[in-house]
Protein backbone atom coordinates (compact mmCIF):
# COMPACT_ATOMS: atom_id res chain seq x y z
CA MET A 1 -20.54 4.30 7.41
CA SER A 2 -20.86 2.50 4.08
CA ALA A 3 -19.09 -0.82 3.60
CA VAL A 4 -15.59 -0.93 2.13
CA LYS A 5 -15.95 -2.24 -1.43
CA VAL A 6 -13.35 -4.86 -2.39
CA VAL A 7 -12.32 -6.51 -5.67
CA LEU A 8 -10.47 -9.85 -5.59
CA ALA A 9 -7.93 -10.57 -8.33
CA ASP A 10 -6.39 -14.05 -8.32
CA ASP A 11 -6.13 -16.73 -10.98
CA GLU A 12 -7.13 -19.47 -8.52
CA ARG A 13 -10.89 -19.74 -7.99
CA MET A 14 -10.45 -21.46 -4.63
CA VAL A 15 -8.35 -18.57 -3.35
CA ARG A 16 -10.96 -16.03 -4.44
CA THR A 17 -13.72 -18.11 -2.83
CA ALA A 18 -11.83 -18.30 0.47
CA LEU A 19 -11.08 -14.58 0.48
CA ARG A 20 -14.70 -13.74 -0.31
CA ALA A 21 -15.96 -15.92 2.55
CA ILE A 22 -13.62 -14.24 5.04
CA LEU A 23 -14.37 -10.69 3.96
CA GLU A 24 -18.13 -11.04 3.55
CA ALA A 25 -18.41 -12.36 7.10
CA GLU A 26 -17.67 -8.76 8.17
CA ALA A 27 -20.51 -6.25 8.12
CA ASP A 28 -18.26 -3.38 7.03
CA LEU A 29 -16.65 -5.19 4.06
CA GLU A 30 -18.28 -6.04 0.72
CA VAL A 31 -16.76 -8.01 -2.18
CA VAL A 32 -18.15 -6.37 -5.30
CA GLY A 33 -16.20 -8.21 -8.00
CA GLU A 34 -13.59 -10.77 -8.96
CA ALA A 35 -10.97 -11.20 -11.68
CA ALA A 36 -8.93 -14.21 -12.77
CA THR A 37 -6.26 -12.36 -14.79
CA GLY A 38 -4.41 -9.06 -14.54
CA ALA A 39 -6.21 -7.71 -17.59
CA GLN A 40 -9.58 -8.64 -16.10
CA ALA A 41 -8.58 -6.94 -12.87
CA VAL A 42 -7.97 -3.66 -14.68
CA SER A 43 -11.33 -3.91 -16.46
CA VAL A 44 -13.31 -4.90 -13.36
CA VAL A 45 -11.76 -2.13 -11.26
CA ARG A 46 -12.50 0.48 -13.92
CA GLU A 47 -16.13 -0.64 -14.02
CA LEU A 48 -16.84 -1.15 -10.32
CA ARG A 49 -14.58 1.48 -8.70
CA PRO A 50 -13.86 -0.42 -5.45
CA ASP A 51 -12.13 1.06 -2.42
CA VAL A 52 -9.58 -1.76 -2.10
CA VAL A 53 -8.18 -4.37 -4.48
CA LEU A 54 -6.53 -7.59 -3.31
CA MET A 55 -4.21 -8.29 -6.25
CA ASP A 56 -2.34 -11.55 -6.77
CA VAL A 57 1.18 -10.57 -7.76
CA ARG A 58 1.50 -13.32 -10.41
CA MET A 59 -1.37 -13.77 -12.86
CA PRO A 60 -1.90 -14.59 -16.55
CA GLU A 61 -1.96 -12.00 -19.36
CA ILE A 62 -0.43 -9.24 -17.26
CA ASP A 63 0.92 -9.64 -13.74
CA GLY A 64 -0.19 -7.81 -10.64
CA ILE A 65 2.54 -5.21 -11.00
CA ARG A 66 1.48 -4.13 -14.50
CA ALA A 67 -2.19 -4.27 -13.50
CA THR A 68 -1.42 -2.02 -10.52
CA GLU A 69 0.40 0.46 -12.76
CA GLN A 70 -2.47 0.55 -15.26
CA ILE A 71 -5.14 1.05 -12.61
CA LEU A 72 -3.26 3.85 -10.87
CA ALA A 73 -2.38 5.56 -14.14
CA THR A 74 -5.88 5.56 -15.65
CA LEU A 75 -8.29 6.24 -12.79
CA PRO A 76 -8.63 9.74 -11.29
CA SER A 77 -9.44 8.36 -7.83
CA PRO A 78 -7.91 4.89 -7.86
CA PRO A 79 -8.50 2.26 -5.20
CA ARG A 80 -5.93 1.18 -2.65
CA ILE A 81 -4.17 -1.93 -3.94
CA VAL A 82 -2.76 -4.65 -1.73
CA VAL A 83 -0.69 -7.28 -3.53
CA VAL A 84 -1.08 -10.85 -2.32
CA THR A 85 1.94 -13.12 -2.45
CA THR A 86 3.34 -16.43 -1.25
CA PHE A 87 6.80 -15.11 -0.35
CA GLU A 88 7.29 -11.85 1.54
CA ASN A 89 10.81 -11.18 0.18
CA ASP A 90 9.75 -11.72 -3.43
CA SER A 91 11.21 -9.07 -5.73
CA TYR A 92 7.78 -8.88 -7.38
CA VAL A 93 6.37 -7.54 -4.12
CA TYR A 94 8.94 -4.76 -3.90
CA ASP A 95 8.33 -3.86 -7.54
CA ALA A 96 4.60 -3.71 -6.83
CA LEU A 97 5.16 -1.36 -3.89
CA ARG A 98 7.33 0.85 -6.08
CA ALA A 99 4.61 0.77 -8.73
CA GLY A 100 2.09 2.18 -6.25
CA ALA A 101 0.65 -0.68 -4.24
CA ALA A 102 -0.32 0.38 -0.73
CA GLY A 103 1.06 -2.78 0.84
CA PHE A 104 1.25 -6.53 0.60
CA LEU A 105 -0.32 -9.54 2.28
CA LEU A 106 0.89 -13.12 2.51
CA LYS A 107 -1.43 -15.83 1.22
CA ARG A 108 -0.92 -17.71 4.47
CA ALA A 109 -2.15 -14.75 6.54
CA ALA A 110 -4.79 -15.50 9.14
CA ALA A 111 -8.37 -14.40 8.51
CA GLU A 112 -8.18 -11.67 11.17
CA GLU A 113 -4.97 -10.35 9.61
CA LEU A 114 -6.63 -10.15 6.18
CA VAL A 115 -9.62 -8.27 7.54
CA GLN A 116 -7.44 -5.85 9.50
CA ALA A 117 -5.23 -5.20 6.46
CA VAL A 118 -8.22 -4.30 4.26
CA ARG A 119 -9.59 -1.96 6.90
CA LEU A 120 -6.20 -0.35 7.44
CA VAL A 121 -5.48 0.44 3.80
CA ALA A 122 -9.03 1.66 3.31
CA ARG A 123 -8.39 4.30 5.98
CA SER A 124 -5.14 5.34 4.23
CA ASP A 125 -3.77 6.50 7.57
CA SER A 126 -0.86 4.24 8.44
CA LEU A 127 1.67 1.93 6.85
CA LEU A 128 0.79 -1.74 6.43
CA TYR A 129 3.48 -3.99 7.98
CA PRO A 130 6.24 -1.35 8.36
CA SER A 131 8.89 -3.85 9.47
CA ALA A 132 8.26 -5.97 6.37
CA VAL A 133 8.57 -2.91 4.12
CA ARG A 134 11.87 -2.08 5.83
CA GLU A 135 13.16 -5.62 5.23
CA LEU A 136 12.12 -5.50 1.58
CA ALA A 137 13.92 -2.18 1.16
CA ALA A 138 17.06 -3.65 2.70
CA LEU A 139 16.91 -6.66 0.37
CA HIS A 140 16.05 -4.93 -2.87
CA SER A 141 17.36 -1.36 -2.77
CA SER A 142 20.46 -0.96 -4.91
CA ALA A 143 23.46 1.25 -4.16
CA ARG A 144 22.12 4.71 -3.43
CA PRO A 145 23.09 7.73 -5.53
CA ALA A 146 23.34 11.26 -4.19
CA PRO A 147 20.22 12.22 -2.20
CA PRO A 148 17.41 13.56 -4.43
CA PRO A 149 16.51 17.28 -4.18
CA TRP A 150 13.42 16.63 -2.06
CA VAL A 151 15.56 15.56 0.91
CA ALA A 152 16.99 19.08 1.26
CA ARG A 153 13.51 20.61 0.91
CA LEU A 154 12.11 18.82 3.96
CA THR A 155 11.86 20.94 7.07
CA GLU A 156 13.18 19.46 10.31
CA ARG A 157 9.62 18.77 11.43
CA GLU A 158 8.72 17.11 8.12
CA ALA A 159 11.84 14.95 8.32
CA ASP A 160 10.73 13.78 11.76
CA VAL A 161 7.25 13.06 10.42
CA LEU A 162 8.65 10.94 7.57
CA ARG A 163 10.70 8.88 10.02
CA LEU A 164 7.60 8.32 12.14
CA MET A 165 5.58 7.37 9.04
CA ALA A 166 8.19 4.70 8.32
CA THR A 167 7.52 3.13 11.72
CA GLY A 168 3.85 2.71 10.77
CA LEU A 169 2.32 5.41 12.95
CA SER A 170 -1.04 6.90 11.99
CA ASN A 171 -1.66 10.65 11.85
CA ALA A 172 -3.16 10.57 15.34
CA GLU A 173 -0.16 8.66 16.70
CA ILE A 174 2.26 11.05 14.99
CA ALA A 175 0.39 13.98 16.51
CA ASP A 176 0.61 12.42 19.96
CA ARG A 177 4.31 11.60 19.60
CA MET A 178 5.18 15.13 18.43
CA GLY A 179 2.87 16.98 20.81
CA VAL A 180 0.84 18.66 18.07
CA GLY A 181 -2.80 18.58 17.03
CA PRO A 182 -4.14 15.96 14.58
CA ALA A 183 -4.78 18.61 11.93
CA THR A 184 -1.16 19.80 12.17
CA ALA A 185 0.14 16.24 11.82
CA LYS A 186 -2.11 15.68 8.81
CA THR A 187 -0.75 18.87 7.21
CA HIS A 188 2.84 17.73 7.77
CA VAL A 189 2.10 14.32 6.25
CA ALA A 190 0.50 15.97 3.20
CA SER A 191 3.57 18.19 2.80
CA VAL A 192 5.88 15.16 2.99
CA LEU A 193 3.86 13.40 0.28
CA ALA A 194 3.98 16.49 -1.93
CA LYS A 195 7.72 17.02 -1.53
CA THR A 196 8.62 13.38 -2.11
CA GLY A 197 6.23 13.18 -5.07
CA ALA A 198 4.59 10.16 -3.45
CA ARG A 199 1.04 8.97 -4.09
CA ASP A 200 0.66 7.78 -0.49
CA ARG A 201 2.53 6.88 2.68
CA THR A 202 3.93 3.63 1.33
CA GLN A 203 5.56 5.32 -1.66
CA ALA A 204 6.94 8.09 0.58
CA VAL A 205 8.55 5.51 2.86
CA ILE A 206 9.97 3.54 -0.09
CA ALA A 207 11.44 6.81 -1.40
CA ALA A 208 12.93 7.51 2.03
CA TYR A 209 14.70 4.14 2.06
CA GLU A 210 15.85 4.28 -1.56
CA SER A 211 17.26 7.79 -1.18
CA GLY A 212 19.23 6.82 1.90
CA PHE A 213 17.24 9.31 4.01
CA ILE A 214 16.32 6.33 6.18
CA THR A 215 18.71 3.38 6.40
CA PRO A 216 17.09 -0.05 6.78
CA ARG A 217 18.41 -1.90 9.81
């Protein structure tokens, strides 16, 4: 398998240097570019087409949220974006997830945690830090209106799949839990994404919390 290509976007050179050293120590990960501002991040990603972007949530010119929106809106096959932050309950993080980021990572995360997070989002097959996403939803979701139309369109099986997605299970784990084949689980996940209008699993789970379909506890 080819190496996962990563772009680092952070306004602190020392942070980028540390991240590069950690990632490039792994044979299956390759840092292909860096950016010191949000605007540079958009430009570098458009040019290099990485698989994963580690995006500082607060940067000069445009922040990580706007940069995430621009990347996802302008590239036909955009990379997976993980926002990097100091505080896990930061409202910027929740806004970045709503904007399309695949997950978030704390700057104080251990090296092994960083490497595992990059590999996980590159596979696009499970939710990064599901309990943290649930806590963010509980902190930042406002009063919920009437359920959106997509809730009623979910079949009973798809509703079960969405709940399992919110716990962080991969397609294989969902298949095992439901007693179906991996291909069937993958089909159900794809149907959930289509009906919720979500780009990926993270956005589907955020939609589930914000609609009241799943209640954060």
